[in-house]
Every structure is written in C-alpha cells, then in structure tokens.
Amino acid sequence: MLTTTQLQIAGMNGVHAVRAIETALVMVQGITLMEVRVGNATIEHDGRATSEALRTAIEIAGFEVTDCREEKRGLRVISDPATPDG
C-alpha cells in the first residue's frame, strides 16, 4: 500500500532549506517520490516509511513540521489471463 503524506514545514527560507530537507528525507527508507518546496513537502512512500520517520528526519535537519496529512491507497491487482488463477 502506498501513502501520500503532505507536510507543512516552518522555518524554510529558500533553496538551501529545500536541499537540506531533501538530503534528510533521502535517508528514510521507503520513499518512492518526493517534492519539496519552500514551506511544504509531498512524499509518496510505502509502509517502511512512516509519517513519524518523515517528521523526525525533517526536525533533525532543523525544521518544524506544523501539519501532516496522509492519504493511503492500495494497489489494484490485475489478474493475468496467462496464469491458471487469472
């Protein structure tokens, strides 16, 4: 199951802050996609990455997460007609 987490981040003042957060988030296993902008980040991740792990990484980088919203979505399984059960 993939989760999209949207974070509001205080204390970001430009490209340096964006790069610092990107560098911190790269260390969190399970992130499949991230978009970091001044003031917010949208992160798509699997079950290995939790919102708490994302928040912790950002706080270690020196910034404050002021809001966190998650949207979980499952993957639809498509049957394969080439298999006996498909």
Protein backbone atom coordinates (compact mmCIF):
# COMPACT_ATOMS: atom_id res chain seq x y z
CA MET A 1 0.00 0.00 0.00
CA LEU A 2 1.33 3.43 -0.89
CA THR A 3 0.77 6.53 1.20
CA THR A 4 0.99 10.15 0.15
CA THR A 5 1.97 12.42 3.04
CA GLN A 6 1.66 16.19 2.79
CA LEU A 7 3.70 18.16 5.29
CA GLN A 8 3.66 21.86 6.12
CA ILE A 9 7.13 22.93 7.24
CA ALA A 10 8.08 26.06 9.17
CA GLY A 11 11.46 27.77 9.01
CA MET A 12 12.25 27.22 5.33
CA ASN A 13 13.83 30.23 3.65
CA GLY A 14 14.89 29.22 0.17
CA VAL A 15 16.75 26.68 -1.90
CA HIS A 16 19.21 25.84 0.89
CA ALA A 17 16.32 24.74 3.11
CA VAL A 18 14.77 22.69 0.31
CA ARG A 19 18.08 20.90 -0.30
CA ALA A 20 18.59 20.26 3.43
CA ILE A 21 15.17 18.62 3.71
CA GLU A 22 15.67 16.58 0.53
CA THR A 23 19.00 15.35 1.91
CA ALA A 24 17.38 14.39 5.22
CA LEU A 25 14.47 12.58 3.54
CA VAL A 26 16.76 10.54 1.25
CA MET A 27 17.89 8.71 4.39
CA VAL A 28 14.33 7.45 5.10
CA GLN A 29 13.77 4.04 3.52
CA GLY A 30 10.55 3.51 1.61
CA ILE A 31 10.18 6.89 -0.10
CA THR A 32 9.25 6.40 -3.75
CA LEU A 33 8.68 10.04 -4.73
CA MET A 34 9.16 13.42 -3.07
CA GLU A 35 8.50 17.01 -3.99
CA VAL A 36 9.92 19.58 -1.59
CA ARG A 37 9.15 23.28 -1.92
CA VAL A 38 9.60 26.20 0.43
CA GLY A 39 7.04 25.64 3.18
CA ASN A 40 5.85 22.15 2.27
CA ALA A 41 6.67 18.68 1.05
CA THR A 42 4.63 15.97 -0.64
CA ILE A 43 6.05 12.50 -0.18
CA GLU A 44 4.87 9.19 -1.61
CA HIS A 45 6.07 6.18 0.35
CA ASP A 46 5.44 2.56 1.17
CA GLY A 47 4.94 1.01 4.60
CA ARG A 48 8.62 1.17 5.53
CA ALA A 49 8.42 4.96 5.88
CA THR A 50 6.05 6.37 8.48
CA SER A 51 4.86 9.92 8.94
CA GLU A 52 6.76 9.92 12.24
CA ALA A 53 10.00 8.95 10.45
CA LEU A 54 9.45 11.75 7.91
CA ARG A 55 8.76 14.25 10.69
CA THR A 56 11.85 13.15 12.62
CA ALA A 57 14.12 13.46 9.57
CA ILE A 58 12.87 16.99 8.92
CA GLU A 59 13.25 18.00 12.57
CA ILE A 60 16.81 16.63 12.67
CA ALA A 61 17.53 18.85 9.64
CA GLY A 62 16.47 21.83 11.79
CA PHE A 63 12.91 22.49 10.63
CA GLU A 64 9.48 22.15 12.23
CA VAL A 65 6.59 20.17 10.76
CA THR A 66 3.45 22.17 11.55
CA ASP A 67 0.87 19.97 9.79
CA CYS A 68 0.82 16.41 8.49
CA ARG A 69 -1.88 14.81 6.32
CA GLU A 70 -1.84 11.27 4.95
CA GLU A 71 -3.76 9.58 2.17
CA LYS A 72 -3.39 5.81 1.90
CA ARG A 73 -4.25 3.97 -1.25
CA GLY A 74 -3.97 0.33 -2.16
CA LEU A 75 -2.75 -1.06 -5.43
CA ARG A 76 -5.32 -2.75 -7.61
CA VAL A 77 -4.39 -6.30 -8.55
CA ILE A 78 -4.99 -7.13 -12.20
CA SER A 79 -5.37 -10.80 -12.98
CA ASP A 80 -3.10 -12.34 -15.57
CA PRO A 81 -5.01 -14.49 -18.07
CA ALA A 82 -1.82 -16.49 -18.68
CA THR A 83 -1.90 -17.93 -15.15
CA PRO A 84 -4.26 -20.73 -14.05
CA ASP A 85 -5.94 -18.47 -11.48
CA GLY A 86 -6.18 -15.48 -13.90
